[in-house]
Amino acid sequence: MRIAIPANEKNMEDLVCPSFGRAPYFLIYDTQSSEGVFLENTAASSQGGAGIKAAQIVVDNKADVLITPRCGTQAAEVINAAGIKVYKSQNISMIDNIKAFEKNELAALENFHAGFHGHGGN
């Protein structure tokens, strides 16, 4: 299983980035190999539509799960169309969120915001 998480730093001990679309990086963690790679979020500097573009990066990297504190409705549509499950991150490190997910301790993210449309992160 492949898990995607928005990241501020290339360090799994760091907290989950509070922004999905404008996160500097995404951690793609493979639960079978217990290895993670950090990808640059090329959508972060977009004038608009960062959430949708970031969602496409997650889809293109074949994630099965997204762990994030929040997500815009348009990005969620892209994620959901790909069959990716979305879970709400806890205020703990990325690796601890992965462990919490593996223990079924994360709740599904069900409330999506309208997005910020060029006015900050989404």
PDB file of N, CA and C in Angstrom:
ATOM      1  N   MET A   1       0.841  -1.177   0.000  1.00  0.00           N
ATOM      2  CA  MET A   1       0.000   0.000   0.000  1.00  0.00           C
ATOM      3  C   MET A   1       0.887   1.241   0.000  1.00  0.00           C
ATOM      4  N   ARG A   2       0.465   2.241  -0.769  1.00  0.00           N
ATOM      5  CA  ARG A   2       1.227   3.494  -0.855  1.00  0.00           C
ATOM      6  C   ARG A   2       0.427   4.619  -0.189  1.00  0.00           C
ATOM      7  N   ILE A   3       1.082   5.313   0.732  1.00  0.00           N
ATOM      8  CA  ILE A   3       0.451   6.391   1.498  1.00  0.00           C
ATOM      9  C   ILE A   3       1.111   7.712   1.116  1.00  0.00           C
ATOM     10  N   ALA A   4       0.290   8.718   0.799  1.00  0.00           N
ATOM     11  CA  ALA A   4       0.788  10.062   0.494  1.00  0.00           C
ATOM     12  C   ALA A   4       0.483  10.988   1.664  1.00  0.00           C
ATOM     13  N   ILE A   5       1.447  11.846   1.998  1.00  0.00           N
ATOM     14  CA  ILE A   5       1.292  12.805   3.091  1.00  0.00           C
ATOM     15  C   ILE A   5       1.951  14.124   2.676  1.00  0.00           C
ATOM     16  N   PRO A   6       1.251  15.273   2.829  1.00  0.00           N
ATOM     17  CA  PRO A   6       1.895  16.558   2.546  1.00  0.00           C
ATOM     18  C   PRO A   6       2.976  16.859   3.588  1.00  0.00           C
ATOM     19  N   ALA A   7       4.123  17.354   3.119  1.00  0.00           N
ATOM     20  CA  ALA A   7       5.279  17.554   3.997  1.00  0.00           C
ATOM     21  C   ALA A   7       5.896  18.934   3.818  1.00  0.00           C
ATOM     22  N   ASN A   8       6.326  19.517   4.941  1.00  0.00           N
ATOM     23  CA  ASN A   8       7.088  20.770   4.910  1.00  0.00           C
ATOM     24  C   ASN A   8       8.563  20.499   4.661  1.00  0.00           C
ATOM     25  N   GLU A   9       9.053  19.406   5.228  1.00  0.00           N
ATOM     26  CA  GLU A   9      10.472  19.044   5.170  1.00  0.00           C
ATOM     27  C   GLU A   9      10.608  17.610   4.686  1.00  0.00           C
ATOM     28  N   LYS A  10      11.778  17.272   4.205  1.00  0.00           N
ATOM     29  CA  LYS A  10      12.062  15.899   3.780  1.00  0.00           C
ATOM     30  C   LYS A  10      12.540  15.086   4.977  1.00  0.00           C
ATOM     31  N   ASN A  11      11.650  14.941   5.957  1.00  0.00           N
ATOM     32  CA  ASN A  11      11.985  14.256   7.200  1.00  0.00           C
ATOM     33  C   ASN A  11      10.706  13.639   7.754  1.00  0.00           C
ATOM     34  N   MET A  12      10.650  12.312   7.850  1.00  0.00           N
ATOM     35  CA  MET A  12       9.434  11.639   8.319  1.00  0.00           C
ATOM     36  C   MET A  12       9.131  11.918   9.782  1.00  0.00           C
ATOM     37  N   GLU A  13      10.102  12.478  10.528  1.00  0.00           N
ATOM     38  CA  GLU A  13       9.870  12.827  11.931  1.00  0.00           C
ATOM     39  C   GLU A  13       9.192  14.195  12.060  1.00  0.00           C
ATOM     40  N   ASP A  14       9.086  14.935  10.956  1.00  0.00           N
ATOM     41  CA  ASP A  14       8.454  16.251  10.952  1.00  0.00           C
ATOM     42  C   ASP A  14       6.937  16.093  10.985  1.00  0.00           C
ATOM     43  N   LEU A  15       6.247  17.135  11.443  1.00  0.00           N
ATOM     44  CA  LEU A  15       4.788  17.132  11.448  1.00  0.00           C
ATOM     45  C   LEU A  15       4.247  17.159  10.027  1.00  0.00           C
ATOM     46  N   VAL A  16       3.033  16.701   9.853  1.00  0.00           N
ATOM     47  CA  VAL A  16       2.352  16.775   8.567  1.00  0.00           C
ATOM     48  C   VAL A  16       2.140  18.248   8.222  1.00  0.00           C
ATOM     49  N   CYS A  17       2.366  18.624   6.981  1.00  0.00           N
ATOM     50  CA  CYS A  17       2.142  19.998   6.538  1.00  0.00           C
ATOM     51  C   CYS A  17       0.651  20.308   6.640  1.00  0.00           C
ATOM     52  N   PRO A  18       0.281  21.473   7.206  1.00  0.00           N
ATOM     53  CA  PRO A  18      -1.141  21.810   7.335  1.00  0.00           C
ATOM     54  C   PRO A  18      -1.816  22.132   6.003  1.00  0.00           C
ATOM     55  N   SER A  19      -1.036  22.376   4.969  1.00  0.00           N
ATOM     56  CA  SER A  19      -1.583  22.693   3.656  1.00  0.00           C
ATOM     57  C   SER A  19      -1.416  21.502   2.733  1.00  0.00           C
ATOM     58  N   PHE A  20      -2.463  21.139   2.010  1.00  0.00           N
ATOM     59  CA  PHE A  20      -2.342  20.054   1.049  1.00  0.00           C
ATOM     60  C   PHE A  20      -1.789  20.565  -0.273  1.00  0.00           C
ATOM     61  N   GLY A  21      -2.509  21.442  -0.933  1.00  0.00           N
ATOM     62  CA  GLY A  21      -2.142  21.896  -2.268  1.00  0.00           C
ATOM     63  C   GLY A  21      -0.845  22.662  -2.337  1.00  0.00           C
ATOM     64  N   ARG A  22      -0.492  23.349  -1.265  1.00  0.00           N
ATOM     65  CA  ARG A  22       0.716  24.180  -1.274  1.00  0.00           C
ATOM     66  C   ARG A  22       1.836  23.620  -0.404  1.00  0.00           C
ATOM     67  N   ALA A  23       1.715  22.357  -0.036  1.00  0.00           N
ATOM     68  CA  ALA A  23       2.807  21.712   0.700  1.00  0.00           C
ATOM     69  C   ALA A  23       4.047  21.677  -0.198  1.00  0.00           C
ATOM     70  N   PRO A  24       5.226  21.938   0.349  1.00  0.00           N
ATOM     71  CA  PRO A  24       6.432  21.905  -0.486  1.00  0.00           C
ATOM     72  C   PRO A  24       6.739  20.518  -1.059  1.00  0.00           C
ATOM     73  N   TYR A  25       6.390  19.473  -0.297  1.00  0.00           N
ATOM     74  CA  TYR A  25       6.715  18.105  -0.705  1.00  0.00           C
ATOM     75  C   TYR A  25       5.544  17.174  -0.395  1.00  0.00           C
ATOM     76  N   PHE A  26       5.610  15.998  -0.972  1.00  0.00           N
ATOM     77  CA  PHE A  26       4.739  14.893  -0.578  1.00  0.00           C
ATOM     78  C   PHE A  26       5.624  13.715  -0.225  1.00  0.00           C
ATOM     79  N   LEU A  27       5.327  13.096   0.905  1.00  0.00           N
ATOM     80  CA  LEU A  27       5.947  11.829   1.246  1.00  0.00           C
ATOM     81  C   LEU A  27       5.085  10.741   0.619  1.00  0.00           C
ATOM     82  N   ILE A  28       5.703   9.859  -0.127  1.00  0.00           N
ATOM     83  CA  ILE A  28       5.035   8.667  -0.643  1.00  0.00           C
ATOM     84  C   ILE A  28       5.695   7.495   0.083  1.00  0.00           C
ATOM     85  N   TYR A  29       4.915   6.866   0.957  1.00  0.00           N
ATOM     86  CA  TYR A  29       5.437   5.803   1.819  1.00  0.00           C
ATOM     87  C   TYR A  29       4.845   4.467   1.404  1.00  0.00           C
ATOM     88  N   ASP A  30       5.702   3.488   1.160  1.00  0.00           N
ATOM     89  CA  ASP A  30       5.276   2.145   0.772  1.00  0.00           C
ATOM     90  C   ASP A  30       5.276   1.259   2.018  1.00  0.00           C
ATOM     91  N   THR A  31       4.096   0.797   2.430  1.00  0.00           N
ATOM     92  CA  THR A  31       4.000   0.002   3.650  1.00  0.00           C
ATOM     93  C   THR A  31       4.624  -1.387   3.502  1.00  0.00           C
ATOM     94  N   GLN A  32       4.715  -1.899   2.286  1.00  0.00           N
ATOM     95  CA  GLN A  32       5.311  -3.226   2.087  1.00  0.00           C
ATOM     96  C   GLN A  32       6.829  -3.193   2.251  1.00  0.00           C
ATOM     97  N   SER A  33       7.457  -2.138   1.734  1.00  0.00           N
ATOM     98  CA  SER A  33       8.921  -2.045   1.824  1.00  0.00           C
ATOM     99  C   SER A  33       9.360  -1.201   3.022  1.00  0.00           C
ATOM    100  N   SER A  34       8.417  -0.510   3.668  1.00  0.00           N
ATOM    101  CA  SER A  34       8.711   0.422   4.772  1.00  0.00           C
ATOM    102  C   SER A  34       9.689   1.509   4.334  1.00  0.00           C
ATOM    103  N   GLU A  35       9.556   1.938   3.072  1.00  0.00           N
ATOM    104  CA  GLU A  35      10.418   2.991   2.544  1.00  0.00           C
ATOM    105  C   GLU A  35       9.572   4.161   2.074  1.00  0.00           C
ATOM    106  N   GLY A  36      10.108   5.344   2.265  1.00  0.00           N
ATOM    107  CA  GLY A  36       9.427   6.542   1.820  1.00  0.00           C
ATOM    108  C   GLY A  36      10.317   7.376   0.917  1.00  0.00           C
ATOM    109  N   VAL A  37       9.697   8.048  -0.034  1.00  0.00           N
ATOM    110  CA  VAL A  37      10.412   8.991  -0.886  1.00  0.00           C
ATOM    111  C   VAL A  37       9.664  10.323  -0.823  1.00  0.00           C
ATOM    112  N   PHE A  38      10.425  11.399  -0.890  1.00  0.00           N
ATOM    113  CA  PHE A  38       9.834  12.732  -0.893  1.00  0.00           C
ATOM    114  C   PHE A  38       9.854  13.276  -2.314  1.00  0.00           C
ATOM    115  N   LEU A  39       8.699  13.743  -2.758  1.00  0.00           N
ATOM    116  CA  LEU A  39       8.559  14.334  -4.079  1.00  0.00           C
ATOM    117  C   LEU A  39       8.321  15.828  -3.935  1.00  0.00           C
ATOM    118  N   GLU A  40       8.924  16.614  -4.807  1.00  0.00           N
ATOM    119  CA  GLU A  40       8.632  18.043  -4.813  1.00  0.00           C
ATOM    120  C   GLU A  40       7.212  18.248  -5.323  1.00  0.00           C
ATOM    121  N   ASN A  41       6.465  19.091  -4.635  1.00  0.00           N
ATOM    122  CA  ASN A  41       5.109  19.434  -5.070  1.00  0.00           C
ATOM    123  C   ASN A  41       5.217  20.603  -6.038  1.00  0.00           C
ATOM    124  N   THR A  42       5.253  20.304  -7.315  1.00  0.00           N
ATOM    125  CA  THR A  42       5.379  21.349  -8.329  1.00  0.00           C
ATOM    126  C   THR A  42       4.142  22.228  -8.400  1.00  0.00           C
ATOM    127  N   ALA A  43       3.046  21.806  -7.789  1.00  0.00           N
ATOM    128  CA  ALA A  43       1.814  22.597  -7.771  1.00  0.00           C
ATOM    129  C   ALA A  43       1.859  23.721  -6.740  1.00  0.00           C
ATOM    130  N   ALA A  44       2.789  23.642  -5.785  1.00  0.00           N
ATOM    131  CA  ALA A  44       2.826  24.588  -4.669  1.00  0.00           C
ATOM    132  C   ALA A  44       2.946  26.043  -5.121  1.00  0.00           C
ATOM    133  N   SER A  45       3.617  26.287  -6.231  1.00  0.00           N
ATOM    134  CA  SER A  45       3.824  27.662  -6.692  1.00  0.00           C
ATOM    135  C   SER A  45       2.805  28.089  -7.751  1.00  0.00           C
ATOM    136  N   SER A  46       1.808  27.278  -7.991  1.00  0.00           N
ATOM    137  CA  SER A  46       0.790  27.608  -8.998  1.00  0.00           C
ATOM    138  C   SER A  46       0.002  28.848  -8.610  1.00  0.00           C
ATOM    139  N   GLN A  47      -0.370  29.638  -9.599  1.00  0.00           N
ATOM    140  CA  GLN A  47      -1.211  30.815  -9.356  1.00  0.00           C
ATOM    141  C   GLN A  47      -2.567  30.404  -8.800  1.00  0.00           C
ATOM    142  N   GLY A  48      -3.126  29.359  -9.352  1.00  0.00           N
ATOM    143  CA  GLY A  48      -4.415  28.852  -8.899  1.00  0.00           C
ATOM    144  C   GLY A  48      -4.509  27.375  -9.190  1.00  0.00           C
ATOM    145  N   GLY A  49      -5.469  26.725  -8.577  1.00  0.00           N
ATOM    146  CA  GLY A  49      -5.669  25.303  -8.813  1.00  0.00           C
ATOM    147  C   GLY A  49      -4.601  24.412  -8.221  1.00  0.00           C
ATOM    148  N   ALA A  50      -3.903  24.905  -7.183  1.00  0.00           N
ATOM    149  CA  ALA A  50      -2.817  24.117  -6.591  1.00  0.00           C
ATOM    150  C   ALA A  50      -3.335  22.795  -6.033  1.00  0.00           C
ATOM    151  N   GLY A  51      -4.506  22.809  -5.417  1.00  0.00           N
ATOM    152  CA  GLY A  51      -5.051  21.586  -4.832  1.00  0.00           C
ATOM    153  C   GLY A  51      -5.328  20.527  -5.878  1.00  0.00           C
ATOM    154  N   ILE A  52      -5.909  20.935  -6.994  1.00  0.00           N
ATOM    155  CA  ILE A  52      -6.218  19.995  -8.075  1.00  0.00           C
ATOM    156  C   ILE A  52      -4.923  19.421  -8.648  1.00  0.00           C
ATOM    157  N   LYS A  53      -3.932  20.276  -8.880  1.00  0.00           N
ATOM    158  CA  LYS A  53      -2.653  19.830  -9.433  1.00  0.00           C
ATOM    159  C   LYS A  53      -1.919  18.920  -8.442  1.00  0.00           C
ATOM    160  N   ALA A  54      -1.979  19.281  -7.161  1.00  0.00           N
ATOM    161  CA  ALA A  54      -1.345  18.445  -6.132  1.00  0.00           C
ATOM    162  C   ALA A  54      -2.036  17.087  -6.054  1.00  0.00           C
ATOM    163  N   ALA A  55      -3.353  17.083  -6.158  1.00  0.00           N
ATOM    164  CA  ALA A  55      -4.105  15.822  -6.148  1.00  0.00           C
ATOM    165  C   ALA A  55      -3.674  14.936  -7.314  1.00  0.00           C
ATOM    166  N   GLN A  56      -3.422  15.543  -8.459  1.00  0.00           N
ATOM    167  CA  GLN A  56      -2.993  14.766  -9.621  1.00  0.00           C
ATOM    168  C   GLN A  56      -1.617  14.155  -9.384  1.00  0.00           C
ATOM    169  N   ILE A  57      -0.746  14.856  -8.660  1.00  0.00           N
ATOM    170  CA  ILE A  57       0.575  14.307  -8.317  1.00  0.00           C
ATOM    171  C   ILE A  57       0.395  13.062  -7.451  1.00  0.00           C
ATOM    172  N   VAL A  58      -0.510  13.138  -6.483  1.00  0.00           N
ATOM    173  CA  VAL A  58      -0.786  11.999  -5.606  1.00  0.00           C
ATOM    174  C   VAL A  58      -1.319  10.824  -6.431  1.00  0.00           C
ATOM    175  N   VAL A  59      -2.244  11.107  -7.337  1.00  0.00           N
ATOM    176  CA  VAL A  59      -2.812  10.067  -8.204  1.00  0.00           C
ATOM    177  C   VAL A  59      -1.723   9.464  -9.091  1.00  0.00           C
ATOM    178  N   ASP A  60      -0.923  10.326  -9.731  1.00  0.00           N
ATOM    179  CA  ASP A  60       0.113   9.867 -10.656  1.00  0.00           C
ATOM    180  C   ASP A  60       1.156   8.983  -9.970  1.00  0.00           C
ATOM    181  N   ASN A  61       1.333   9.175  -8.656  1.00  0.00           N
ATOM    182  CA  ASN A  61       2.310   8.376  -7.913  1.00  0.00           C
ATOM    183  C   ASN A  61       1.672   7.160  -7.252  1.00  0.00           C
ATOM    184  N   LYS A  62       0.474   6.837  -7.725  1.00  0.00           N
ATOM    185  CA  LYS A  62      -0.216   5.593  -7.374  1.00  0.00           C
ATOM    186  C   LYS A  62      -0.438   5.406  -5.873  1.00  0.00           C
ATOM    187  N   ALA A  63      -0.782   6.499  -5.182  1.00  0.00           N
ATOM    188  CA  ALA A  63      -1.113   6.384  -3.764  1.00  0.00           C
ATOM    189  C   ALA A  63      -2.453   5.660  -3.607  1.00  0.00           C
ATOM    190  N   ASP A  64      -2.550   4.886  -2.558  1.00  0.00           N
ATOM    191  CA  ASP A  64      -3.799   4.219  -2.202  1.00  0.00           C
ATOM    192  C   ASP A  64      -4.538   5.004  -1.133  1.00  0.00           C
ATOM    193  N   VAL A  65      -3.762   5.767  -0.355  1.00  0.00           N
ATOM    194  CA  VAL A  65      -4.277   6.499   0.797  1.00  0.00           C
ATOM    195  C   VAL A  65      -3.620   7.874   0.834  1.00  0.00           C
ATOM    196  N   LEU A  66      -4.392   8.876   1.243  1.00  0.00           N
ATOM    197  CA  LEU A  66      -3.868  10.216   1.511  1.00  0.00           C
ATOM    198  C   LEU A  66      -4.158  10.529   2.967  1.00  0.00           C
ATOM    199  N   ILE A  67      -3.129  10.937   3.707  1.00  0.00           N
ATOM    200  CA  ILE A  67      -3.290  11.387   5.089  1.00  0.00           C
ATOM    201  C   ILE A  67      -2.975  12.866   5.099  1.00  0.00           C
ATOM    202  N   THR A  68      -3.962  13.684   5.464  1.00  0.00           N
ATOM    203  CA  THR A  68      -3.814  15.137   5.412  1.00  0.00           C
ATOM    204  C   THR A  68      -4.736  15.778   6.441  1.00  0.00           C
ATOM    205  N   PRO A  69      -4.378  16.966   6.955  1.00  0.00           N
ATOM    206  CA  PRO A  69      -5.272  17.614   7.919  1.00  0.00           C
ATOM    207  C   PRO A  69      -6.521  18.200   7.268  1.00  0.00           C
ATOM    208  N   ARG A  70      -6.407  18.570   5.993  1.00  0.00           N
ATOM    209  CA  ARG A  70      -7.544  19.159   5.276  1.00  0.00           C
ATOM    210  C   ARG A  70      -7.310  19.045   3.780  1.00  0.00           C
ATOM    211  N   CYS A  71      -8.399  19.257   3.034  1.00  0.00           N
ATOM    212  CA  CYS A  71      -8.322  19.115   1.591  1.00  0.00           C
ATOM    213  C   CYS A  71      -9.498  19.870   0.984  1.00  0.00           C
ATOM    214  N   GLY A  72      -9.263  20.564  -0.105  1.00  0.00           N
ATOM    215  CA  GLY A  72     -10.329  21.296  -0.787  1.00  0.00           C
ATOM    216  C   GLY A  72     -11.250  20.359  -1.553  1.00  0.00           C
ATOM    217  N   THR A  73     -12.447  20.835  -1.843  1.00  0.00           N
ATOM    218  CA  THR A  73     -13.450  20.000  -2.510  1.00  0.00           C
ATOM    219  C   THR A  73     -13.004  19.584  -3.915  1.00  0.00           C
ATOM    220  N   GLN A  74     -12.390  20.486  -4.660  1.00  0.00           N
ATOM    221  CA  GLN A  74     -11.977  20.140  -6.025  1.00  0.00           C
ATOM    222  C   GLN A  74     -10.836  19.115  -6.009  1.00  0.00           C
ATOM    223  N   ALA A  75      -9.903  19.275  -5.085  1.00  0.00           N
ATOM    224  CA  ALA A  75      -8.826  18.287  -4.954  1.00  0.00           C
ATOM    225  C   ALA A  75      -9.415  16.948  -4.518  1.00  0.00           C
ATOM    226  N   ALA A  76     -10.374  16.992  -3.601  1.00  0.00           N
ATOM    227  CA  ALA A  76     -11.013  15.761  -3.115  1.00  0.00           C
ATOM    228  C   ALA A  76     -11.714  15.025  -4.251  1.00  0.00           C
ATOM    229  N   GLU A  77     -12.302  15.761  -5.182  1.00  0.00           N
ATOM    230  CA  GLU A  77     -12.966  15.118  -6.322  1.00  0.00           C
ATOM    231  C   GLU A  77     -11.964  14.311  -7.149  1.00  0.00           C
ATOM    232  N   VAL A  78     -10.768  14.871  -7.364  1.00  0.00           N
ATOM    233  CA  VAL A  78      -9.723  14.177  -8.120  1.00  0.00           C
ATOM    234  C   VAL A  78      -9.269  12.935  -7.347  1.00  0.00           C
ATOM    235  N   ILE A  79      -9.036  13.104  -6.056  1.00  0.00           N
ATOM    236  CA  ILE A  79      -8.579  12.006  -5.195  1.00  0.00           C
ATOM    237  C   ILE A  79      -9.630  10.891  -5.152  1.00  0.00           C
ATOM    238  N   ASN A  80     -10.882  11.272  -4.925  1.00  0.00           N
ATOM    239  CA  ASN A  80     -11.960  10.274  -4.825  1.00  0.00           C
ATOM    240  C   ASN A  80     -12.186   9.555  -6.147  1.00  0.00           C
ATOM    241  N   ALA A  81     -12.080  10.277  -7.269  1.00  0.00           N
ATOM    242  CA  ALA A  81     -12.276   9.661  -8.591  1.00  0.00           C
ATOM    243  C   ALA A  81     -11.235   8.569  -8.845  1.00  0.00           C
ATOM    244  N   ALA A  82     -10.062   8.706  -8.229  1.00  0.00           N
ATOM    245  CA  ALA A  82      -8.994   7.718  -8.391  1.00  0.00           C
ATOM    246  C   ALA A  82      -9.125   6.567  -7.387  1.00  0.00           C
ATOM    247  N   GLY A  83     -10.121   6.638  -6.518  1.00  0.00           N
ATOM    248  CA  GLY A  83     -10.326   5.576  -5.542  1.00  0.00           C
ATOM    249  C   GLY A  83      -9.382   5.637  -4.354  1.00  0.00           C
ATOM    250  N   ILE A  84      -8.773   6.805  -4.126  1.00  0.00           N
ATOM    251  CA  ILE A  84      -7.845   6.979  -3.005  1.00  0.00           C
ATOM    252  C   ILE A  84      -8.654   7.350  -1.759  1.00  0.00           C
ATOM    253  N   LYS A  85      -8.396   6.643  -0.667  1.00  0.00           N
ATOM    254  CA  LYS A  85      -9.061   6.922   0.610  1.00  0.00           C
ATOM    255  C   LYS A  85      -8.333   8.069   1.306  1.00  0.00           C
ATOM    256  N   VAL A  86      -9.096   8.979   1.939  1.00  0.00           N
ATOM    257  CA  VAL A  86      -8.514  10.138   2.605  1.00  0.00           C
ATOM    258  C   VAL A  86      -8.768  10.041   4.106  1.00  0.00           C
ATOM    259  N   TYR A  87      -7.698  10.203   4.879  1.00  0.00           N
ATOM    260  CA  TYR A  87      -7.778  10.144   6.340  1.00  0.00           C
ATOM    261  C   TYR A  87      -7.247  11.442   6.930  1.00  0.00           C
ATOM    262  N   LYS A  88      -7.830  11.840   8.060  1.00  0.00           N
ATOM    263  CA  LYS A  88      -7.431  13.075   8.740  1.00  0.00           C
ATOM    264  C   LYS A  88      -6.190  12.804   9.588  1.00  0.00           C
ATOM    265  N   SER A  89      -5.148  13.579   9.329  1.00  0.00           N
ATOM    266  CA  SER A  89      -3.916  13.415  10.093  1.00  0.00           C
ATOM    267  C   SER A  89      -4.113  13.926  11.518  1.00  0.00           C
ATOM    268  N   GLN A  90      -3.280  13.399  12.406  1.00  0.00           N
ATOM    269  CA  GLN A  90      -3.217  13.881  13.781  1.00  0.00           C
ATOM    270  C   GLN A  90      -2.023  14.822  13.888  1.00  0.00           C
ATOM    271  N   ASN A  91      -1.962  15.603  14.942  1.00  0.00           N
ATOM    272  CA  ASN A  91      -0.878  16.567  15.129  1.00  0.00           C
ATOM    273  C   ASN A  91       0.354  15.860  15.701  1.00  0.00           C
ATOM    274  N   ILE A  92       0.855  14.898  14.924  1.00  0.00           N
ATOM    275  CA  ILE A  92       2.036  14.109  15.268  1.00  0.00           C
ATOM    276  C   ILE A  92       2.878  13.975  14.001  1.00  0.00           C
ATOM    277  N   SER A  93       4.038  13.353  14.132  1.00  0.00           N
ATOM    278  CA  SER A  93       4.936  13.235  12.977  1.00  0.00           C
ATOM    279  C   SER A  93       4.298  12.420  11.848  1.00  0.00           C
ATOM    280  N   MET A  94       4.865  12.570  10.663  1.00  0.00           N
ATOM    281  CA  MET A  94       4.374  11.799   9.520  1.00  0.00           C
ATOM    282  C   MET A  94       4.480  10.307   9.781  1.00  0.00           C
ATOM    283  N   ILE A  95       5.623   9.853  10.316  1.00  0.00           N
ATOM    284  CA  ILE A  95       5.798   8.420  10.563  1.00  0.00           C
ATOM    285  C   ILE A  95       4.817   7.939  11.625  1.00  0.00           C
ATOM    286  N   ASP A  96       4.518   8.775  12.630  1.00  0.00           N
ATOM    287  CA  ASP A  96       3.550   8.377  13.647  1.00  0.00           C
ATOM    288  C   ASP A  96       2.129   8.355  13.080  1.00  0.00           C
ATOM    289  N   ASN A  97       1.838   9.221  12.113  1.00  0.00           N
ATOM    290  CA  ASN A  97       0.543   9.160  11.429  1.00  0.00           C
ATOM    291  C   ASN A  97       0.429   7.861  10.638  1.00  0.00           C
ATOM    292  N   ILE A  98       1.512   7.449  10.012  1.00  0.00           N
ATOM    293  CA  ILE A  98       1.511   6.178   9.269  1.00  0.00           C
ATOM    294  C   ILE A  98       1.239   5.021  10.224  1.00  0.00           C
ATOM    295  N   LYS A  99       1.930   5.033  11.379  1.00  0.00           N
ATOM    296  CA  LYS A  99       1.716   3.974  12.376  1.00  0.00           C
ATOM    297  C   LYS A  99       0.275   3.992  12.875  1.00  0.00           C
ATOM    298  N   ALA A 100      -0.272   5.184  13.109  1.00  0.00           N
ATOM    299  CA  ALA A 100      -1.666   5.303  13.567  1.00  0.00           C
ATOM    300  C   ALA A 100      -2.622   4.766  12.502  1.00  0.00           C
ATOM    301  N   PHE A 101      -2.336   5.053  11.238  1.00  0.00           N
ATOM    302  CA  PHE A 101      -3.162   4.533  10.153  1.00  0.00           C
ATOM    303  C   PHE A 101      -3.121   3.005  10.144  1.00  0.00           C
ATOM    304  N   GLU A 102      -1.926   2.449  10.276  1.00  0.00           N
ATOM    305  CA  GLU A 102      -1.777   0.995  10.244  1.00  0.00           C
ATOM    306  C   GLU A 102      -2.507   0.313  11.402  1.00  0.00           C
ATOM    307  N   LYS A 103      -2.726   1.048  12.501  1.00  0.00           N
ATOM    308  CA  LYS A 103      -3.465   0.517  13.656  1.00  0.00           C
ATOM    309  C   LYS A 103      -4.949   0.897  13.597  1.00  0.00           C
ATOM    310  N   ASN A 104      -5.388   1.438  12.452  1.00  0.00           N
ATOM    311  CA  ASN A 104      -6.782   1.882  12.281  1.00  0.00           C
ATOM    312  C   ASN A 104      -7.190   2.954  13.289  1.00  0.00           C
ATOM    313  N   GLU A 105      -6.268   3.859  13.613  1.00  0.00           N
ATOM    314  CA  GLU A 105      -6.530   4.908  14.596  1.00  0.00           C
ATOM    315  C   GLU A 105      -6.822   6.269  13.960  1.00  0.00           C
ATOM    316  N   LEU A 106      -6.809   6.365  12.639  1.00  0.00           N
ATOM    317  CA  LEU A 106      -7.117   7.633  11.978  1.00  0.00           C
ATOM    318  C   LEU A 106      -8.548   7.603  11.461  1.00  0.00           C
ATOM    319  N   ALA A 107      -9.223   8.727  11.597  1.00  0.00           N
ATOM    320  CA  ALA A 107     -10.593   8.844  11.092  1.00  0.00           C
ATOM    321  C   ALA A 107     -10.566   9.256   9.621  1.00  0.00           C
ATOM    322  N   ALA A 108     -11.567   8.832   8.902  1.00  0.00           N
ATOM    323  CA  ALA A 108     -11.711   9.272   7.514  1.00  0.00           C
ATOM    324  C   ALA A 108     -11.941  10.780   7.501  1.00  0.00           C
ATOM    325  N   LEU A 109     -11.345  11.466   6.544  1.00  0.00           N
ATOM    326  CA  LEU A 109     -11.580  12.901   6.368  1.00  0.00           C
ATOM    327  C   LEU A 109     -12.846  13.047   5.536  1.00  0.00           C
ATOM    328  N   GLU A 110     -13.863  13.618   6.138  1.00  0.00           N
ATOM    329  CA  GLU A 110     -15.158  13.716   5.466  1.00  0.00           C
ATOM    330  C   GLU A 110     -15.586  15.143   5.181  1.00  0.00           C
ATOM    331  N   ASN A 111     -14.974  16.105   5.843  1.00  0.00           N
ATOM    332  CA  ASN A 111     -15.327  17.512   5.626  1.00  0.00           C
ATOM    333  C   ASN A 111     -14.261  18.166   4.773  1.00  0.00           C
ATOM    334  N   PHE A 112     -14.656  18.581   3.584  1.00  0.00           N
ATOM    335  CA  PHE A 112     -13.731  19.227   2.666  1.00  0.00           C
ATOM    336  C   PHE A 112     -14.116  20.693   2.540  1.00  0.00           C
ATOM    337  N   HIS A 113     -13.124  21.568   2.529  1.00  0.00           N
ATOM    338  CA  HIS A 113     -13.406  23.001   2.436  1.00  0.00           C
ATOM    339  C   HIS A 113     -13.471  23.439   0.979  1.00  0.00           C
ATOM    340  N   ALA A 114     -13.968  24.625   0.763  1.00  0.00           N
ATOM    341  CA  ALA A 114     -14.188  25.128  -0.596  1.00  0.00           C
ATOM    342  C   ALA A 114     -12.890  25.453  -1.328  1.00  0.00           C
ATOM    343  N   GLY A 115     -11.780  25.485  -0.629  1.00  0.00           N
ATOM    344  CA  GLY A 115     -10.511  25.841  -1.271  1.00  0.00           C
ATOM    345  C   GLY A 115     -10.251  27.322  -1.098  1.00  0.00           C
ATOM    346  N   PHE A 116      -9.022  27.728  -1.366  1.00  0.00           N
ATOM    347  CA  PHE A 116      -8.646  29.129  -1.158  1.00  0.00           C
ATOM    348  C   PHE A 116      -8.459  29.876  -2.452  1.00  0.00           C
ATOM    349  N   HIS A 117      -8.436  29.164  -3.569  1.00  0.00           N
ATOM    350  CA  HIS A 117      -8.408  29.777  -4.899  1.00  0.00           C
ATOM    351  C   HIS A 117      -7.431  30.926  -5.014  1.00  0.00           C
ATOM    352  N   GLY A 118      -6.152  30.625  -4.763  1.00  0.00           N
ATOM    353  CA  GLY A 118      -5.105  31.624  -4.925  1.00  0.00           C
ATOM    354  C   GLY A 118      -4.900  32.535  -3.725  1.00  0.00           C
ATOM    355  N   HIS A 119      -5.579  32.243  -2.617  1.00  0.00           N
ATOM    356  CA  HIS A 119      -5.477  33.109  -1.436  1.00  0.00           C
ATOM    357  C   HIS A 119      -4.787  32.404  -0.279  1.00  0.00           C
ATOM    358  N   GLY A 120      -3.905  31.504  -0.553  1.00  0.00           N
ATOM    359  CA  GLY A 120      -3.225  30.772   0.503  1.00  0.00           C
ATOM    360  C   GLY A 120      -3.183  29.302   0.185  1.00  0.00           C
ATOM    361  N   GLY A 121      -2.945  28.475   1.180  1.00  0.00           N
ATOM    362  CA  GLY A 121      -2.839  27.037   0.950  1.00  0.00           C
ATOM    363  C   GLY A 121      -4.190  26.351   0.975  1.00  0.00           C
ATOM    364  N   ASN A 122      -4.296  25.220   0.279  1.00  0.00           N
ATOM    365  CA  ASN A 122      -5.519  24.413   0.417  1.00  0.00           C
ATOM    366  C   ASN A 122      -5.219  22.972   0.482  1.00  0.00           C
TER     367      ASN A 122
END
